[in-house]
Amino acid sequence: MRYEIKGGSFPVVVCQLQDGESMITEKGSMVWMSPNMEMDTRGGGLGKMFSKAFSGESMFQNIYTARGDGMIAFGSSFPGRILPVEVGLGREMIMQKSAFLASEAGVELSIAFHKKLGAGFFGGEGFIMQRLSGAGLAFVEIDGDLVEYDLAPGQQILVDTGYVAGYESTVTMDIRQVPGLKNKLVGGEGLFHTYLTGPGRVILQTMPISHMASALSGYIPTGN
């Protein structure tokens, strides 16, 4: 499979497939394709269907297989970036809910639970995130632009809630209160911060959709 990411703030990834190669999407993100792409919708079993729903995805998978050399494109649902992520043994990724866009057939999507209650309640993504495992190339959606860090063992980075797009499974995530009562009440940075501890890759995003929705809400008329 060869791919090219096109577009600016509303990107698409165009995938060129050889005969018999397949791509998977969880939420109907296909935007165009060649006529020889064959579509098959699957649920993957009741347990997997519910796990997908909890992780922010559709309970069904759309699998597109090329019958002869084919082309298929997947489009982003929010202004931002499409990031290719290579998944393999020892390279599992934990992503924010609804980040998954499409992947090669060897990539598996499942639930990733936060182990600590603080991270679950206050981490900006709830208890549940998405785990990408298996082997192959996946494409994920990033809100706004992205910045990446490669943390050394024990190295930490403090992140405002909602700006964590994803991280390698070797990274640990924890939530701590902002110190000082005055900082909590009038600091304007919320009550909690996210701490990510290495080793591993960390992916941060610059415009979380939740923050954008909150900023725009004050300009939307409520009606009478």
C-alpha atoms as a PDB file:
ATOM      1  CA  MET A   1       0.000   0.000   0.000  1.00  0.00           C
ATOM      2  CA  ARG A   2       1.220   3.472  -0.943  1.00  0.00           C
ATOM      3  CA  TYR A   3      -0.378   6.649   0.404  1.00  0.00           C
ATOM      4  CA  GLU A   4      -0.331  10.413   0.048  1.00  0.00           C
ATOM      5  CA  ILE A   5      -1.847  12.941   2.457  1.00  0.00           C
ATOM      6  CA  LYS A   6      -3.349  15.925   0.645  1.00  0.00           C
ATOM      7  CA  GLY A   7      -5.155  19.105   1.633  1.00  0.00           C
ATOM      8  CA  GLY A   8      -4.550  21.732   4.300  1.00  0.00           C
ATOM      9  CA  SER A   9      -6.781  22.127   7.332  1.00  0.00           C
ATOM     10  CA  PHE A  10      -9.233  19.522   5.990  1.00  0.00           C
ATOM     11  CA  PRO A  11      -6.883  16.745   4.854  1.00  0.00           C
ATOM     12  CA  VAL A  12      -7.518  13.455   3.104  1.00  0.00           C
ATOM     13  CA  VAL A  13      -5.264  10.416   2.799  1.00  0.00           C
ATOM     14  CA  VAL A  14      -5.279   8.785  -0.634  1.00  0.00           C
ATOM     15  CA  CYS A  15      -4.249   5.118  -0.565  1.00  0.00           C
ATOM     16  CA  GLN A  16      -3.081   3.177  -3.621  1.00  0.00           C
ATOM     17  CA  LEU A  17      -3.725  -0.559  -3.150  1.00  0.00           C
ATOM     18  CA  GLN A  18      -2.559  -3.586  -5.048  1.00  0.00           C
ATOM     19  CA  ASP A  19      -4.888  -6.439  -5.938  1.00  0.00           C
ATOM     20  CA  GLY A  20      -6.184  -8.105  -2.754  1.00  0.00           C
ATOM     21  CA  GLU A  21      -5.005  -5.434  -0.305  1.00  0.00           C
ATOM     22  CA  SER A  22      -7.587  -4.158   2.184  1.00  0.00           C
ATOM     23  CA  MET A  23      -8.221  -1.041   4.250  1.00  0.00           C
ATOM     24  CA  ILE A  24     -10.465  -0.745   7.308  1.00  0.00           C
ATOM     25  CA  THR A  25     -12.437   2.279   8.500  1.00  0.00           C
ATOM     26  CA  GLU A  26     -14.631   2.420  11.593  1.00  0.00           C
ATOM     27  CA  LYS A  27     -16.911   5.344  10.865  1.00  0.00           C
ATOM     28  CA  GLY A  28     -17.603   5.631   7.175  1.00  0.00           C
ATOM     29  CA  SER A  29     -14.767   8.034   6.452  1.00  0.00           C
ATOM     30  CA  MET A  30     -14.388   6.991   2.816  1.00  0.00           C
ATOM     31  CA  VAL A  31     -14.699  10.060   0.581  1.00  0.00           C
ATOM     32  CA  TRP A  32     -13.875   8.645  -2.873  1.00  0.00           C
ATOM     33  CA  MET A  33     -12.504   5.481  -4.434  1.00  0.00           C
ATOM     34  CA  SER A  34     -12.019   3.626  -7.691  1.00  0.00           C
ATOM     35  CA  PRO A  35     -14.964   1.455  -8.849  1.00  0.00           C
ATOM     36  CA  ASN A  36     -13.064  -1.798  -8.302  1.00  0.00           C
ATOM     37  CA  MET A  37     -12.935  -1.393  -4.511  1.00  0.00           C
ATOM     38  CA  GLU A  38     -15.177  -4.003  -2.864  1.00  0.00           C
ATOM     39  CA  MET A  39     -16.883  -3.048   0.429  1.00  0.00           C
ATOM     40  CA  ASP A  40     -17.763  -5.480   3.229  1.00  0.00           C
ATOM     41  CA  THR A  41     -19.342  -4.386   6.552  1.00  0.00           C
ATOM     42  CA  ARG A  42     -18.603  -6.515   9.615  1.00  0.00           C
ATOM     43  CA  GLY A  43     -19.353  -6.360  13.317  1.00  0.00           C
ATOM     44  CA  GLY A  44     -16.511  -8.496  14.606  1.00  0.00           C
ATOM     45  CA  GLY A  45     -18.493 -10.189  17.388  1.00  0.00           C
ATOM     46  CA  LEU A  46     -20.721  -8.729  20.115  1.00  0.00           C
ATOM     47  CA  GLY A  47     -17.901  -8.067  22.591  1.00  0.00           C
ATOM     48  CA  LYS A  48     -15.787  -6.223  20.053  1.00  0.00           C
ATOM     49  CA  MET A  49     -18.808  -4.280  18.808  1.00  0.00           C
ATOM     50  CA  PHE A  50     -19.533  -2.885  22.269  1.00  0.00           C
ATOM     51  CA  SER A  51     -15.858  -2.172  22.940  1.00  0.00           C
ATOM     52  CA  LYS A  52     -15.732  -0.095  19.761  1.00  0.00           C
ATOM     53  CA  ALA A  53     -18.825   1.851  20.811  1.00  0.00           C
ATOM     54  CA  PHE A  54     -17.249   2.621  24.223  1.00  0.00           C
ATOM     55  CA  SER A  55     -14.030   3.776  22.560  1.00  0.00           C
ATOM     56  CA  GLY A  56     -15.913   6.315  20.449  1.00  0.00           C
ATOM     57  CA  GLU A  57     -16.146   4.339  17.213  1.00  0.00           C
ATOM     58  CA  SER A  58     -18.915   2.660  15.245  1.00  0.00           C
ATOM     59  CA  MET A  59     -19.780  -0.908  16.241  1.00  0.00           C
ATOM     60  CA  PHE A  60     -19.223  -1.951  12.624  1.00  0.00           C
ATOM     61  CA  GLN A  61     -16.164  -1.995  10.383  1.00  0.00           C
ATOM     62  CA  ASN A  62     -16.167  -1.158   6.693  1.00  0.00           C
ATOM     63  CA  ILE A  63     -13.510  -3.224   4.931  1.00  0.00           C
ATOM     64  CA  TYR A  64     -12.516  -2.137   1.421  1.00  0.00           C
ATOM     65  CA  THR A  65     -10.587  -4.628  -0.724  1.00  0.00           C
ATOM     66  CA  ALA A  66      -9.006  -3.869  -4.090  1.00  0.00           C
ATOM     67  CA  ARG A  67     -10.035  -6.190  -6.937  1.00  0.00           C
ATOM     68  CA  GLY A  68      -7.151  -5.305  -9.181  1.00  0.00           C
ATOM     69  CA  ASP A  69      -5.028  -2.233  -8.442  1.00  0.00           C
ATOM     70  CA  GLY A  70      -7.294   0.316  -6.754  1.00  0.00           C
ATOM     71  CA  MET A  71      -7.464   3.657  -4.979  1.00  0.00           C
ATOM     72  CA  ILE A  72      -9.397   4.822  -1.911  1.00  0.00           C
ATOM     73  CA  ALA A  73      -9.361   8.108   0.034  1.00  0.00           C
ATOM     74  CA  PHE A  74     -10.354   8.786   3.654  1.00  0.00           C
ATOM     75  CA  GLY A  75     -11.233  12.275   4.883  1.00  0.00           C
ATOM     76  CA  SER A  76     -10.796  14.003   8.232  1.00  0.00           C
ATOM     77  CA  SER A  77     -13.949  14.973  10.158  1.00  0.00           C
ATOM     78  CA  PHE A  78     -12.445  18.058  11.872  1.00  0.00           C
ATOM     79  CA  PRO A  79      -9.896  20.727  10.948  1.00  0.00           C
ATOM     80  CA  GLY A  80      -6.474  19.340  11.698  1.00  0.00           C
ATOM     81  CA  ARG A  81      -3.979  16.738  10.580  1.00  0.00           C
ATOM     82  CA  ILE A  82      -3.977  13.113   9.486  1.00  0.00           C
ATOM     83  CA  LEU A  83      -1.031  11.313  11.067  1.00  0.00           C
ATOM     84  CA  PRO A  84       0.320   7.955   9.825  1.00  0.00           C
ATOM     85  CA  VAL A  85       1.231   5.644  12.716  1.00  0.00           C
ATOM     86  CA  GLU A  86       3.214   2.420  12.251  1.00  0.00           C
ATOM     87  CA  VAL A  87       1.935  -0.206  14.693  1.00  0.00           C
ATOM     88  CA  GLY A  88       3.847  -3.376  15.528  1.00  0.00           C
ATOM     89  CA  LEU A  89       5.198  -5.584  18.293  1.00  0.00           C
ATOM     90  CA  GLY A  90       6.202  -3.320  21.171  1.00  0.00           C
ATOM     91  CA  ARG A  91       4.821  -0.283  19.343  1.00  0.00           C
ATOM     92  CA  GLU A  92       1.208  -0.144  20.483  1.00  0.00           C
ATOM     93  CA  MET A  93      -0.373   3.317  20.560  1.00  0.00           C
ATOM     94  CA  ILE A  94      -2.964   4.789  22.937  1.00  0.00           C
ATOM     95  CA  MET A  95      -5.054   7.460  21.188  1.00  0.00           C
ATOM     96  CA  GLN A  96      -7.843   9.837  22.159  1.00  0.00           C
ATOM     97  CA  LYS A  97     -11.414   8.745  21.540  1.00  0.00           C
ATOM     98  CA  SER A  98     -12.498   8.932  17.882  1.00  0.00           C
ATOM     99  CA  ALA A  99      -8.906   9.426  16.681  1.00  0.00           C
ATOM    100  CA  PHE A 100      -8.892   6.329  14.477  1.00  0.00           C
ATOM    101  CA  LEU A 101      -9.548   7.078  10.796  1.00  0.00           C
ATOM    102  CA  ALA A 102      -8.446   4.018   8.808  1.00  0.00           C
ATOM    103  CA  SER A 103      -5.779   1.327   8.734  1.00  0.00           C
ATOM    104  CA  GLU A 104      -4.361  -1.670   6.995  1.00  0.00           C
ATOM    105  CA  ALA A 105      -6.112  -4.937   7.782  1.00  0.00           C
ATOM    106  CA  GLY A 106      -3.476  -6.087  10.295  1.00  0.00           C
ATOM    107  CA  VAL A 107      -4.174  -3.279  12.790  1.00  0.00           C
ATOM    108  CA  GLU A 108      -6.548  -4.013  15.684  1.00  0.00           C
ATOM    109  CA  LEU A 109      -8.643  -1.363  17.465  1.00  0.00           C
ATOM    110  CA  SER A 110      -9.688  -1.929  21.083  1.00  0.00           C
ATOM    111  CA  ILE A 111     -10.420  -0.159  24.369  1.00  0.00           C
ATOM    112  CA  ALA A 112      -7.676   1.283  26.568  1.00  0.00           C
ATOM    113  CA  PHE A 113      -8.844   1.914  30.140  1.00  0.00           C
ATOM    114  CA  HIS A 114      -7.104   4.380  32.412  1.00  0.00           C
ATOM    115  CA  LYS A 115      -5.801   2.443  35.406  1.00  0.00           C
ATOM    116  CA  LYS A 116      -6.080   5.362  37.797  1.00  0.00           C
ATOM    117  CA  LEU A 117      -9.394   6.944  38.774  1.00  0.00           C
ATOM    118  CA  GLY A 118      -7.936  10.450  38.587  1.00  0.00           C
ATOM    119  CA  ALA A 119      -6.897   9.980  34.984  1.00  0.00           C
ATOM    120  CA  GLY A 120     -10.289   8.555  34.156  1.00  0.00           C
ATOM    121  CA  PHE A 121     -12.393  11.300  35.691  1.00  0.00           C
ATOM    122  CA  PHE A 122     -10.260  14.338  34.937  1.00  0.00           C
ATOM    123  CA  GLY A 123      -8.013  13.431  32.023  1.00  0.00           C
ATOM    124  CA  GLY A 124     -10.206  15.074  29.413  1.00  0.00           C
ATOM    125  CA  GLU A 125     -10.945  11.766  27.633  1.00  0.00           C
ATOM    126  CA  GLY A 126     -12.862   9.891  30.357  1.00  0.00           C
ATOM    127  CA  PHE A 127     -11.935   6.367  31.363  1.00  0.00           C
ATOM    128  CA  ILE A 128     -11.687   5.113  27.815  1.00  0.00           C
ATOM    129  CA  MET A 129      -9.216   5.768  25.030  1.00  0.00           C
ATOM    130  CA  GLN A 130      -8.331   3.747  21.926  1.00  0.00           C
ATOM    131  CA  ARG A 131      -5.573   1.141  21.701  1.00  0.00           C
ATOM    132  CA  LEU A 132      -3.982   0.405  18.328  1.00  0.00           C
ATOM    133  CA  SER A 133      -2.196  -2.946  18.261  1.00  0.00           C
ATOM    134  CA  GLY A 134      -1.381  -5.710  15.786  1.00  0.00           C
ATOM    135  CA  ALA A 135       0.817  -4.901  12.802  1.00  0.00           C
ATOM    136  CA  GLY A 136       0.466  -2.383  10.003  1.00  0.00           C
ATOM    137  CA  LEU A 137      -0.058   1.264   9.189  1.00  0.00           C
ATOM    138  CA  ALA A 138      -2.897   3.263  10.759  1.00  0.00           C
ATOM    139  CA  PHE A 139      -4.087   6.806  10.099  1.00  0.00           C
ATOM    140  CA  VAL A 140      -5.341   8.908  13.030  1.00  0.00           C
ATOM    141  CA  GLU A 141      -6.991  12.325  13.253  1.00  0.00           C
ATOM    142  CA  ILE A 142      -5.296  15.133  15.177  1.00  0.00           C
ATOM    143  CA  ASP A 143      -7.256  18.232  16.273  1.00  0.00           C
ATOM    144  CA  GLY A 144      -5.449  21.261  14.872  1.00  0.00           C
ATOM    145  CA  ASP A 145      -1.712  20.793  14.394  1.00  0.00           C
ATOM    146  CA  LEU A 146       0.595  18.429  16.267  1.00  0.00           C
ATOM    147  CA  VAL A 147       3.800  18.465  18.277  1.00  0.00           C
ATOM    148  CA  GLU A 148       5.689  15.282  19.170  1.00  0.00           C
ATOM    149  CA  TYR A 149       8.123  14.481  21.972  1.00  0.00           C
ATOM    150  CA  ASP A 150      10.227  11.383  22.601  1.00  0.00           C
ATOM    151  CA  LEU A 151      10.466  11.079  26.382  1.00  0.00           C
ATOM    152  CA  ALA A 152      13.416   9.366  28.033  1.00  0.00           C
ATOM    153  CA  PRO A 153      12.802   6.912  30.902  1.00  0.00           C
ATOM    154  CA  GLY A 154      11.426   8.889  33.839  1.00  0.00           C
ATOM    155  CA  GLN A 155      11.200  12.137  31.844  1.00  0.00           C
ATOM    156  CA  GLN A 156       7.891  13.943  32.311  1.00  0.00           C
ATOM    157  CA  ILE A 157       5.841  16.520  30.473  1.00  0.00           C
ATOM    158  CA  LEU A 158       2.881  18.397  31.954  1.00  0.00           C
ATOM    159  CA  VAL A 159      -0.017  18.939  29.543  1.00  0.00           C
ATOM    160  CA  ASP A 160      -3.253  20.910  29.820  1.00  0.00           C
ATOM    161  CA  THR A 161      -6.349  18.722  29.730  1.00  0.00           C
ATOM    162  CA  GLY A 162      -7.486  17.744  26.232  1.00  0.00           C
ATOM    163  CA  TYR A 163      -4.212  18.405  24.419  1.00  0.00           C
ATOM    164  CA  VAL A 164      -3.038  14.799  24.637  1.00  0.00           C
ATOM    165  CA  ALA A 165      -3.712  13.194  21.249  1.00  0.00           C
ATOM    166  CA  GLY A 166      -1.874   9.947  21.941  1.00  0.00           C
ATOM    167  CA  TYR A 167       1.205   8.187  23.239  1.00  0.00           C
ATOM    168  CA  GLU A 168       3.047   4.886  23.058  1.00  0.00           C
ATOM    169  CA  SER A 169       1.858   2.238  25.477  1.00  0.00           C
ATOM    170  CA  THR A 170       5.200   2.477  27.324  1.00  0.00           C
ATOM    171  CA  VAL A 171       4.234   5.984  28.494  1.00  0.00           C
ATOM    172  CA  THR A 172       2.236   6.320  31.736  1.00  0.00           C
ATOM    173  CA  MET A 173      -0.473   8.941  32.233  1.00  0.00           C
ATOM    174  CA  ASP A 174      -1.496  10.487  35.547  1.00  0.00           C
ATOM    175  CA  ILE A 175      -3.640  13.423  36.680  1.00  0.00           C
ATOM    176  CA  ARG A 176      -2.640  15.824  39.451  1.00  0.00           C
ATOM    177  CA  GLN A 177      -4.345  18.835  40.945  1.00  0.00           C
ATOM    178  CA  VAL A 178      -3.060  22.306  40.161  1.00  0.00           C
ATOM    179  CA  PRO A 179      -1.207  23.403  43.323  1.00  0.00           C
ATOM    180  CA  GLY A 180      -2.552  26.287  45.391  1.00  0.00           C
ATOM    181  CA  LEU A 181      -6.154  27.353  46.008  1.00  0.00           C
ATOM    182  CA  LYS A 182      -5.702  30.715  44.239  1.00  0.00           C
ATOM    183  CA  ASN A 183      -4.252  28.972  41.191  1.00  0.00           C
ATOM    184  CA  LYS A 184      -7.269  26.666  41.082  1.00  0.00           C
ATOM    185  CA  LEU A 185      -9.863  29.422  41.472  1.00  0.00           C
ATOM    186  CA  VAL A 186      -8.514  32.287  39.354  1.00  0.00           C
ATOM    187  CA  GLY A 187      -5.616  30.828  37.383  1.00  0.00           C
ATOM    188  CA  GLY A 188      -7.811  30.012  34.397  1.00  0.00           C
ATOM    189  CA  GLU A 189      -6.004  26.720  33.753  1.00  0.00           C
ATOM    190  CA  GLY A 190      -8.560  24.401  35.330  1.00  0.00           C
ATOM    191  CA  LEU A 191      -8.202  22.207  38.401  1.00  0.00           C
ATOM    192  CA  PHE A 192      -6.086  19.387  36.985  1.00  0.00           C
ATOM    193  CA  HIS A 193      -3.094  18.803  34.740  1.00  0.00           C
ATOM    194  CA  THR A 194      -2.039  15.699  32.864  1.00  0.00           C
ATOM    195  CA  TYR A 195       1.408  14.224  33.538  1.00  0.00           C
ATOM    196  CA  LEU A 196       2.977  11.939  30.952  1.00  0.00           C
ATOM    197  CA  THR A 197       6.035   9.940  32.002  1.00  0.00           C
ATOM    198  CA  GLY A 198       8.451   8.246  29.607  1.00  0.00           C
ATOM    199  CA  PRO A 199       9.874   6.290  28.028  1.00  0.00           C
ATOM    200  CA  GLY A 200       8.101   6.679  24.713  1.00  0.00           C
ATOM    201  CA  ARG A 201       6.595   8.873  22.062  1.00  0.00           C
ATOM    202  CA  VAL A 202       4.004  11.514  22.971  1.00  0.00           C
ATOM    203  CA  ILE A 203       1.699  13.204  20.434  1.00  0.00           C
ATOM    204  CA  LEU A 204       0.125  16.533  21.438  1.00  0.00           C
ATOM    205  CA  GLN A 205      -2.518  18.503  19.533  1.00  0.00           C
ATOM    206  CA  THR A 206      -2.949  22.268  19.332  1.00  0.00           C
ATOM    207  CA  MET A 207      -6.734  22.673  19.025  1.00  0.00           C
ATOM    208  CA  PRO A 208      -8.827  20.092  20.928  1.00  0.00           C
ATOM    209  CA  ILE A 209     -12.332  19.927  19.524  1.00  0.00           C
ATOM    210  CA  SER A 210     -13.803  20.234  23.034  1.00  0.00           C
ATOM    211  CA  HIS A 211     -11.951  23.512  23.629  1.00  0.00           C
ATOM    212  CA  MET A 212     -13.009  24.877  20.249  1.00  0.00           C
ATOM    213  CA  ALA A 213     -16.649  23.984  20.924  1.00  0.00           C
ATOM    214  CA  SER A 214     -16.496  25.722  24.291  1.00  0.00           C
ATOM    215  CA  ALA A 215     -14.954  28.862  22.754  1.00  0.00           C
ATOM    216  CA  LEU A 216     -17.616  29.018  20.012  1.00  0.00           C
ATOM    217  CA  SER A 217     -20.562  28.358  22.329  1.00  0.00           C
ATOM    218  CA  GLY A 218     -20.607  31.978  23.520  1.00  0.00           C
ATOM    219  CA  TYR A 219     -21.175  33.199  19.946  1.00  0.00           C
ATOM    220  CA  ILE A 220     -24.053  30.846  19.128  1.00  0.00           C
ATOM    221  CA  PRO A 221     -27.519  32.382  19.665  1.00  0.00           C
ATOM    222  CA  THR A 222     -29.630  30.357  22.090  1.00  0.00           C
ATOM    223  CA  GLY A 223     -32.974  31.591  20.776  1.00  0.00           C
ATOM    224  CA  ASN A 224     -36.022  32.665  22.731  1.00  0.00           C
END
